C-alpha atoms as a PDB file:
ATOM      1  CA  MET A   1      30.860  17.645  73.663  1.00  0.00           C
ATOM      2  CA  LYS A   2      31.597  19.124  77.052  1.00  0.00           C
ATOM      3  CA  THR A   3      34.775  20.935  76.016  1.00  0.00           C
ATOM      4  CA  GLU A   4      32.902  22.914  73.362  1.00  0.00           C
ATOM      5  CA  GLN A   5      30.166  23.769  75.865  1.00  0.00           C
ATOM      6  CA  ILE A   6      32.752  25.086  78.304  1.00  0.00           C
ATOM      7  CA  LYS A   7      34.469  27.158  75.599  1.00  0.00           C
ATOM      8  CA  GLN A   8      31.166  28.670  74.495  1.00  0.00           C
ATOM      9  CA  GLN A   9      30.197  29.503  78.072  1.00  0.00           C
ATOM     10  CA  LEU A  10      33.617  31.052  78.706  1.00  0.00           C
ATOM     11  CA  LYS A  11      33.036  33.355  75.717  1.00  0.00           C
ATOM     12  CA  ILE A  12      29.649  34.395  77.128  1.00  0.00           C
ATOM     13  CA  CYS A  13      31.169  35.040  80.568  1.00  0.00           C
ATOM     14  CA  SER A  14      34.107  36.947  79.092  1.00  0.00           C
ATOM     15  CA  ASP A  15      31.778  39.281  77.181  1.00  0.00           C
ATOM     16  CA  TYR A  16      29.703  39.828  80.301  1.00  0.00           C
ATOM     17  CA  VAL A  17      32.778  40.564  82.443  1.00  0.00           C
ATOM     18  CA  ASN A  18      33.780  43.257  79.939  1.00  0.00           C
ATOM     19  CA  LYS A  19      30.306  44.747  80.303  1.00  0.00           C
ATOM     20  CA  LEU A  20      30.646  44.726  84.092  1.00  0.00           C
ATOM     21  CA  ASP A  21      34.103  46.264  83.806  1.00  0.00           C
ATOM     22  CA  ASP A  22      32.706  49.184  81.793  1.00  0.00           C
ATOM     23  CA  ALA A  23      29.972  49.677  84.377  1.00  0.00           C
ATOM     24  CA  SER A  24      32.390  49.647  87.304  1.00  0.00           C
ATOM     25  CA  ALA A  25      34.708  52.108  85.537  1.00  0.00           C
ATOM     26  CA  ASN A  26      31.788  54.504  85.134  1.00  0.00           C
ATOM     27  CA  SER A  27      30.555  53.865  88.700  1.00  0.00           C
ATOM     28  CA  SER A  28      27.273  52.663  87.240  1.00  0.00           C
ATOM     29  CA  SER A  29      24.710  50.552  89.013  1.00  0.00           C
ATOM     30  CA  ILE A  30      23.298  47.754  86.883  1.00  0.00           C
ATOM     31  CA  LYS A  31      21.191  44.728  87.546  1.00  0.00           C
ATOM     32  CA  ILE A  32      23.590  41.819  87.893  1.00  0.00           C
ATOM     33  CA  ASP A  33      22.799  38.641  85.978  1.00  0.00           C
ATOM     34  CA  ASP A  34      24.813  35.849  87.589  1.00  0.00           C
ATOM     35  CA  ARG A  35      23.322  33.082  85.435  1.00  0.00           C
ATOM     36  CA  PRO A  36      26.235  32.916  82.927  1.00  0.00           C
ATOM     37  CA  PHE A  37      28.688  32.295  85.791  1.00  0.00           C
ATOM     38  CA  ILE A  38      26.397  29.795  87.516  1.00  0.00           C
ATOM     39  CA  GLU A  39      26.176  27.823  84.265  1.00  0.00           C
ATOM     40  CA  LEU A  40      29.966  27.964  83.858  1.00  0.00           C
ATOM     41  CA  LYS A  41      30.396  26.700  87.412  1.00  0.00           C
ATOM     42  CA  ARG A  42      28.038  23.810  86.663  1.00  0.00           C
ATOM     43  CA  LEU A  43      30.006  22.834  83.565  1.00  0.00           C
ATOM     44  CA  ILE A  44      33.404  22.865  85.285  1.00  0.00           C
ATOM     45  CA  SER A  45      32.388  21.544  88.711  1.00  0.00           C
ATOM     46  CA  SER A  46      33.727  18.018  88.084  1.00  0.00           C
ATOM     47  CA  THR A  47      36.815  18.972  86.074  1.00  0.00           C
ATOM     48  CA  ASP A  48      38.120  22.250  87.502  1.00  0.00           C
ATOM     49  CA  THR A  49      37.275  22.097  91.196  1.00  0.00           C
ATOM     50  CA  TRP A  50      39.500  24.960  92.372  1.00  0.00           C
ATOM     51  CA  GLU A  51      38.216  27.365  89.718  1.00  0.00           C
ATOM     52  CA  ALA A  52      34.612  26.277  90.405  1.00  0.00           C
ATOM     53  CA  THR A  53      35.026  27.053  94.112  1.00  0.00           C
ATOM     54  CA  GLU A  54      36.600  30.448  93.389  1.00  0.00           C
ATOM     55  CA  LEU A  55      33.832  31.234  90.933  1.00  0.00           C
ATOM     56  CA  GLU A  56      31.144  30.346  93.462  1.00  0.00           C
ATOM     57  CA  ASN A  57      32.775  32.527  96.136  1.00  0.00           C
ATOM     58  CA  THR A  58      32.954  35.442  93.699  1.00  0.00           C
ATOM     59  CA  ILE A  59      29.361  34.996  92.511  1.00  0.00           C
ATOM     60  CA  ASN A  60      28.261  35.306  96.131  1.00  0.00           C
ATOM     61  CA  ARG A  61      29.916  38.752  96.239  1.00  0.00           C
ATOM     62  CA  LEU A  62      27.914  40.100  93.318  1.00  0.00           C
ATOM     63  CA  ASN A  63      25.330  42.750  94.127  1.00  0.00           C
ATOM     64  CA  SER A  64      23.693  45.744  92.479  1.00  0.00           C
ATOM     65  CA  THR A  65      26.848  47.852  92.822  1.00  0.00           C
ATOM     66  CA  VAL A  66      29.672  46.439  90.721  1.00  0.00           C
ATOM     67  CA  SER A  67      33.067  46.717  92.423  1.00  0.00           C
ATOM     68  CA  ARG A  68      36.379  46.680  90.550  1.00  0.00           C
ATOM     69  CA  PHE A  69      37.582  44.002  92.971  1.00  0.00           C
ATOM     70  CA  THR A  70      34.778  41.573  92.130  1.00  0.00           C
ATOM     71  CA  VAL A  71      35.087  42.231  88.405  1.00  0.00           C
ATOM     72  CA  GLY A  72      38.840  41.673  88.668  1.00  0.00           C
ATOM     73  CA  ARG A  73      38.314  38.298  90.343  1.00  0.00           C
ATOM     74  CA  LEU A  74      35.811  37.242  87.671  1.00  0.00           C
ATOM     75  CA  TYR A  75      38.162  38.432  84.940  1.00  0.00           C
ATOM     76  CA  GLY A  76      41.044  36.421  86.430  1.00  0.00           C
ATOM     77  CA  ILE A  77      39.044  33.199  86.817  1.00  0.00           C
ATOM     78  CA  VAL A  78      37.494  33.367  83.336  1.00  0.00           C
ATOM     79  CA  ASN A  79      40.819  34.128  81.653  1.00  0.00           C
ATOM     80  CA  MET A  80      42.592  31.380  83.599  1.00  0.00           C
ATOM     81  CA  LEU A  81      40.026  28.872  82.373  1.00  0.00           C
ATOM     82  CA  ALA A  82      40.141  30.241  78.817  1.00  0.00           C
ATOM     83  CA  SER A  83      43.916  29.796  78.751  1.00  0.00           C
ATOM     84  CA  LYS A  84      43.584  26.269  80.106  1.00  0.00           C
ATOM     85  CA  TYR A  85      41.049  25.211  77.474  1.00  0.00           C
ATOM     86  CA  LYS A  86      42.617  27.066  74.558  1.00  0.00           C
ATOM     87  CA  ASN A  87      44.697  24.109  73.352  1.00  0.00           C
ATOM     88  CA  ILE A  88      42.159  21.430  74.251  1.00  0.00           C
ATOM     89  CA  GLU A  89      40.322  20.729  71.027  1.00  0.00           C
ATOM     90  CA  LYS A  90      37.713  18.361  72.432  1.00  0.00           C
ATOM     91  CA  SER A  91      36.739  15.922  75.118  1.00  0.00           C
ATOM     92  CA  TYR A  92      37.044  12.174  74.585  1.00  0.00           C
ATOM     93  CA  LYS A  93      34.812   9.180  74.985  1.00  0.00           C
ATOM     94  CA  ILE A  94      37.657   6.971  76.220  1.00  0.00           C
ATOM     95  CA  PHE A  95      40.930   7.719  78.016  1.00  0.00           C
ATOM     96  CA  ILE A  96      43.357   4.780  77.921  1.00  0.00           C
ATOM     97  CA  SER A  97      45.706   4.690  80.904  1.00  0.00           C
ATOM     98  CA  HIS A  98      48.606   2.390  80.110  1.00  0.00           C
ATOM     99  CA  ALA A  99      52.341   1.799  80.283  1.00  0.00           C
ATOM    100  CA  HIS A 100      54.254   2.840  77.169  1.00  0.00           C
ATOM    101  CA  LYS A 101      56.111  -0.488  77.211  1.00  0.00           C
ATOM    102  CA  ASP A 102      52.760  -2.130  76.396  1.00  0.00           C
ATOM    103  CA  GLU A 103      52.097   0.036  73.347  1.00  0.00           C
ATOM    104  CA  VAL A 104      51.996  -2.924  70.912  1.00  0.00           C
ATOM    105  CA  ILE A 105      49.133  -4.542  72.843  1.00  0.00           C
ATOM    106  CA  ILE A 106      47.418  -1.195  73.351  1.00  0.00           C
ATOM    107  CA  GLU A 107      47.505  -0.531  69.603  1.00  0.00           C
ATOM    108  CA  LYS A 108      45.915  -3.939  68.933  1.00  0.00           C
ATOM    109  CA  PHE A 109      43.218  -3.340  71.559  1.00  0.00           C
ATOM    110  CA  THR A 110      42.466   0.118  70.177  1.00  0.00           C
ATOM    111  CA  GLU A 111      42.347  -1.110  66.578  1.00  0.00           C
ATOM    112  CA  LYS A 112      40.579  -4.475  66.961  1.00  0.00           C
ATOM    113  CA  ILE A 113      38.279  -3.895  69.934  1.00  0.00           C
ATOM    114  CA  LEU A 114      37.487  -0.178  69.975  1.00  0.00           C
ATOM    115  CA  ARG A 115      37.779   1.004  66.375  1.00  0.00           C
ATOM    116  CA  LEU A 116      36.871  -2.037  64.244  1.00  0.00           C
ATOM    117  CA  GLY A 117      34.817  -3.962  66.800  1.00  0.00           C
ATOM    118  CA  CYS A 118      32.885  -1.136  68.522  1.00  0.00           C
ATOM    119  CA  ALA A 119      33.114   1.553  65.781  1.00  0.00           C
ATOM    120  CA  ILE A 120      34.634   4.129  68.157  1.00  0.00           C
ATOM    121  CA  ASP A 121      36.238   6.895  66.097  1.00  0.00           C
ATOM    122  CA  SER A 122      39.972   7.348  66.668  1.00  0.00           C
ATOM    123  CA  GLN A 123      39.298  11.027  67.457  1.00  0.00           C
ATOM    124  CA  ASP A 124      37.219   9.934  70.450  1.00  0.00           C
ATOM    125  CA  ILE A 125      40.103   8.015  72.061  1.00  0.00           C
ATOM    126  CA  PHE A 126      42.913   9.579  74.095  1.00  0.00           C
ATOM    127  CA  CYS A 127      45.950   7.293  74.103  1.00  0.00           C
ATOM    128  CA  THR A 128      49.430   8.728  74.689  1.00  0.00           C
ATOM    129  CA  SER A 129      51.371   5.955  72.924  1.00  0.00           C
ATOM    130  CA  ILE A 130      49.473   6.347  69.632  1.00  0.00           C
ATOM    131  CA  GLU A 131      50.608   9.522  67.902  1.00  0.00           C
ATOM    132  CA  ALA A 132      47.268  10.481  66.360  1.00  0.00           C
ATOM    133  CA  MET A 133      45.424   9.989  69.673  1.00  0.00           C
ATOM    134  CA  GLY A 134      47.869  11.460  72.151  1.00  0.00           C
ATOM    135  CA  ILE A 135      49.960  14.443  73.145  1.00  0.00           C
ATOM    136  CA  LYS A 136      51.279  16.932  70.621  1.00  0.00           C
ATOM    137  CA  THR A 137      54.857  18.210  70.696  1.00  0.00           C
ATOM    138  CA  GLY A 138      55.437  21.034  73.163  1.00  0.00           C
ATOM    139  CA  GLU A 139      52.471  20.283  75.445  1.00  0.00           C
ATOM    140  CA  ASP A 140      52.852  19.830  79.207  1.00  0.00           C
ATOM    141  CA  ILE A 141      52.467  16.049  79.586  1.00  0.00           C
ATOM    142  CA  ARG A 142      51.158  15.883  83.153  1.00  0.00           C
ATOM    143  CA  ASN A 143      48.640  18.716  82.800  1.00  0.00           C
ATOM    144  CA  HIS A 144      47.463  17.434  79.427  1.00  0.00           C
ATOM    145  CA  ILE A 145      46.905  13.906  80.763  1.00  0.00           C
ATOM    146  CA  LYS A 146      45.116  15.211  83.863  1.00  0.00           C
ATOM    147  CA  THR A 147      42.797  17.513  81.922  1.00  0.00           C
ATOM    148  CA  ASN A 148      41.914  14.934  79.264  1.00  0.00           C
ATOM    149  CA  MET A 149      41.237  12.277  81.878  1.00  0.00           C
ATOM    150  CA  MET A 150      38.826  14.654  83.612  1.00  0.00           C
ATOM    151  CA  LEU A 151      37.017  15.387  80.349  1.00  0.00           C
ATOM    152  CA  SER A 152      36.689  11.778  79.180  1.00  0.00           C
ATOM    153  CA  ASP A 153      33.589   9.639  79.720  1.00  0.00           C
ATOM    154  CA  TYR A 154      35.459   6.404  80.395  1.00  0.00           C
ATOM    155  CA  VAL A 155      38.909   5.640  81.789  1.00  0.00           C
ATOM    156  CA  PHE A 156      40.357   2.265  80.764  1.00  0.00           C
ATOM    157  CA  LEU A 157      43.125   1.063  83.098  1.00  0.00           C
ATOM    158  CA  MET A 158      45.325  -1.344  81.133  1.00  0.00           C
ATOM    159  CA  ILE A 159      47.066  -3.076  84.029  1.00  0.00           C
ATOM    160  CA  SER A 160      50.170  -5.131  83.339  1.00  0.00           C
ATOM    161  CA  GLU A 161      53.456  -5.793  85.113  1.00  0.00           C
ATOM    162  CA  ASN A 162      54.814  -2.713  83.342  1.00  0.00           C
ATOM    163  CA  TYR A 163      51.816  -0.712  84.543  1.00  0.00           C
ATOM    164  CA  ILE A 164      52.175  -1.534  88.240  1.00  0.00           C
ATOM    165  CA  ASN A 165      55.888  -0.686  88.054  1.00  0.00           C
ATOM    166  CA  SER A 166      55.113   2.810  86.744  1.00  0.00           C
ATOM    167  CA  THR A 167      54.562   5.589  89.286  1.00  0.00           C
ATOM    168  CA  MET A 168      52.660   7.711  86.765  1.00  0.00           C
ATOM    169  CA  CYS A 169      50.322   4.833  85.923  1.00  0.00           C
ATOM    170  CA  LEU A 170      49.572   4.184  89.593  1.00  0.00           C
ATOM    171  CA  ASN A 171      48.829   7.884  90.005  1.00  0.00           C
ATOM    172  CA  GLU A 172      46.361   7.631  87.147  1.00  0.00           C
ATOM    173  CA  ILE A 173      44.534   4.793  88.939  1.00  0.00           C
ATOM    174  CA  GLY A 174      44.074   6.996  91.994  1.00  0.00           C
ATOM    175  CA  ALA A 175      43.051   9.995  89.882  1.00  0.00           C
ATOM    176  CA  SER A 176      40.437   8.063  87.900  1.00  0.00           C
ATOM    177  CA  TRP A 177      38.938   6.696  91.114  1.00  0.00           C
ATOM    178  CA  ALA A 178      38.914  10.092  92.820  1.00  0.00           C
ATOM    179  CA  LEU A 179      37.278  11.739  89.782  1.00  0.00           C
ATOM    180  CA  ASP A 180      34.387   9.264  90.011  1.00  0.00           C
ATOM    181  CA  LYS A 181      34.768   8.263  86.356  1.00  0.00           C
ATOM    182  CA  LYS A 182      33.365   5.222  84.561  1.00  0.00           C
ATOM    183  CA  VAL A 183      36.484   3.180  85.219  1.00  0.00           C
ATOM    184  CA  LYS A 184      37.184  -0.081  83.406  1.00  0.00           C
ATOM    185  CA  PRO A 185      40.261  -1.913  84.755  1.00  0.00           C
ATOM    186  CA  PHE A 186      41.581  -4.633  82.431  1.00  0.00           C
ATOM    187  CA  LEU A 187      44.179  -7.112  83.682  1.00  0.00           C
ATOM    188  CA  PHE A 188      46.927  -8.457  81.453  1.00  0.00           C
ATOM    189  CA  PRO A 189      47.699 -12.136  82.077  1.00  0.00           C
ATOM    190  CA  PRO A 190      49.031 -13.536  84.329  1.00  0.00           C
ATOM    191  CA  LEU A 191      48.068 -10.793  86.822  1.00  0.00           C
ATOM    192  CA  ARG A 192      45.227 -11.373  89.301  1.00  0.00           C
ATOM    193  CA  HIS A 193      42.671  -8.880  90.592  1.00  0.00           C
ATOM    194  CA  ASP A 194      44.598  -8.575  93.873  1.00  0.00           C
ATOM    195  CA  ALA A 195      47.726  -7.259  92.069  1.00  0.00           C
ATOM    196  CA  ILE A 196      46.843  -3.776  93.370  1.00  0.00           C
ATOM    197  CA  TRP A 197      44.591  -3.317  96.399  1.00  0.00           C
ATOM    198  CA  LEU A 198      42.439  -0.699  94.643  1.00  0.00           C
ATOM    199  CA  LEU A 199      41.495  -3.190  91.941  1.00  0.00           C
ATOM    200  CA  GLU A 200      39.515  -5.224  94.465  1.00  0.00           C
ATOM    201  CA  ILE A 201      37.214  -2.194  94.776  1.00  0.00           C
ATOM    202  CA  LEU A 202      37.137  -1.484  91.033  1.00  0.00           C
ATOM    203  CA  LYS A 203      36.335  -5.095  90.009  1.00  0.00           C
ATOM    204  CA  SER A 204      38.926  -5.676  87.305  1.00  0.00           C
ATOM    205  CA  SER A 205      38.526  -8.175  84.453  1.00  0.00           C
ATOM    206  CA  PRO A 206      41.013 -10.155  82.298  1.00  0.00           C
ATOM    207  CA  ILE A 207      41.614  -8.331  79.018  1.00  0.00           C
ATOM    208  CA  ASN A 208      41.758 -11.601  77.042  1.00  0.00           C
ATOM    209  CA  ASP A 209      38.435 -12.927  78.347  1.00  0.00           C
ATOM    210  CA  SER A 210      35.739 -13.287  75.678  1.00  0.00           C
ATOM    211  CA  ALA A 211      32.819 -12.582  78.042  1.00  0.00           C
ATOM    212  CA  THR A 212      34.543  -9.453  79.388  1.00  0.00           C
ATOM    213  CA  LEU A 213      35.002  -8.066  75.884  1.00  0.00           C
ATOM    214  CA  ASP A 214      31.415  -8.939  74.919  1.00  0.00           C
ATOM    215  CA  LYS A 215      30.147  -6.998  77.935  1.00  0.00           C
ATOM    216  CA  LEU A 216      32.319  -4.012  76.984  1.00  0.00           C
ATOM    217  CA  HIS A 217      31.034  -4.124  73.401  1.00  0.00           C
ATOM    218  CA  GLU A 218      27.405  -4.201  74.550  1.00  0.00           C
ATOM    219  CA  GLU A 219      27.923  -1.290  76.930  1.00  0.00           C
ATOM    220  CA  LEU A 220      29.698   0.971  74.434  1.00  0.00           C
ATOM    221  CA  VAL A 221      27.206   0.301  71.635  1.00  0.00           C
ATOM    222  CA  ARG A 222      24.344   1.015  74.051  1.00  0.00           C
ATOM    223  CA  GLU A 223      26.031   4.130  75.469  1.00  0.00           C
ATOM    224  CA  TYR A 224      26.868   5.888  72.226  1.00  0.00           C
ATOM    225  CA  PRO A 225      24.697   4.169  69.892  1.00  0.00           C
ATOM    226  CA  LEU A 226      27.323   3.142  67.364  1.00  0.00           C
ATOM    227  CA  LYS A 227      26.960   1.723  63.864  1.00  0.00           C
ATOM    228  CA  THR A 228      28.969  -1.473  64.132  1.00  0.00           C
ATOM    229  CA  GLY A 229      29.539  -4.159  61.530  1.00  0.00           C
ATOM    230  CA  GLY A 230      27.294  -6.653  63.323  1.00  0.00           C
ATOM    231  CA  ILE A 231      27.912  -9.544  65.692  1.00  0.00           C
ATOM    232  CA  SER A 232      29.865 -11.702  63.208  1.00  0.00           C
ATOM    233  CA  ASP A 233      32.316  -8.877  62.540  1.00  0.00           C
ATOM    234  CA  TRP A 234      32.626  -8.206  66.263  1.00  0.00           C
ATOM    235  CA  ASN A 235      33.373 -11.868  66.974  1.00  0.00           C
ATOM    236  CA  LYS A 236      36.107 -11.848  64.308  1.00  0.00           C
ATOM    237  CA  GLN A 237      37.788  -8.724  65.690  1.00  0.00           C
ATOM    238  CA  LYS A 238      37.503 -10.055  69.245  1.00  0.00           C
ATOM    239  CA  ALA A 239      38.984 -13.439  68.261  1.00  0.00           C
ATOM    240  CA  ASP A 240      41.894 -11.738  66.449  1.00  0.00           C
ATOM    241  CA  PHE A 241      42.670  -9.641  69.516  1.00  0.00           C
ATOM    242  CA  ILE A 242      42.491 -12.577  71.961  1.00  0.00           C
ATOM    243  CA  ALA A 243      44.717 -14.640  69.649  1.00  0.00           C
ATOM    244  CA  SER A 244      47.289 -11.805  69.609  1.00  0.00           C
ATOM    245  CA  MET A 245      47.239 -11.698  73.435  1.00  0.00           C
ATOM    246  CA  ASN A 246      47.659 -15.434  73.787  1.00  0.00           C
END
């Protein structure tokens, strides 16, 4: 997954920076290979925009004579990113943005629709209200949520009355839209699609609608290709979830 790619590329860049540092200390002239940093910039361009911009500006300064200033900038950027990704074990297929007051429904959706119905592994879901899928003790909540949203493939917006009354949840709507993610807004009854103006753009769907869930199932199975239990099993899990919502 992308997180592992970034970590591997950071290791390559770190080793190369050390090589450049040795050369600059000895006032040596070496042929600069900027490809490791260009690849790192490509990998982080959608998730770490500030660092990507700084990296690009520094790459443009590279030339045949290695300066301590340029090496210092590269060292700082690479180490900043390494520190940021140190405690991020992986990226996720799905990030579930929700209000904690809705955790009972979220647990049912995660269990019935995603895990049993679509065969999505629990390790591929980021959900803060479910202990095994969320934030570990001692981690910075806001930074952790932001980073994991950026690294996820999909962002599910689980929009309820509790959700629209939460400032953090509304911020997550804006963030998911700005990050140009595959956003799936699901409305809890009795909310309508005009509950939040942004939802009119994002084309939200009722979470207890059978056709909506069928479309989600088809998309996820096609996207990942997952080994599900077949259509009869899916229909059972879907029916159980809709019954719990009603």
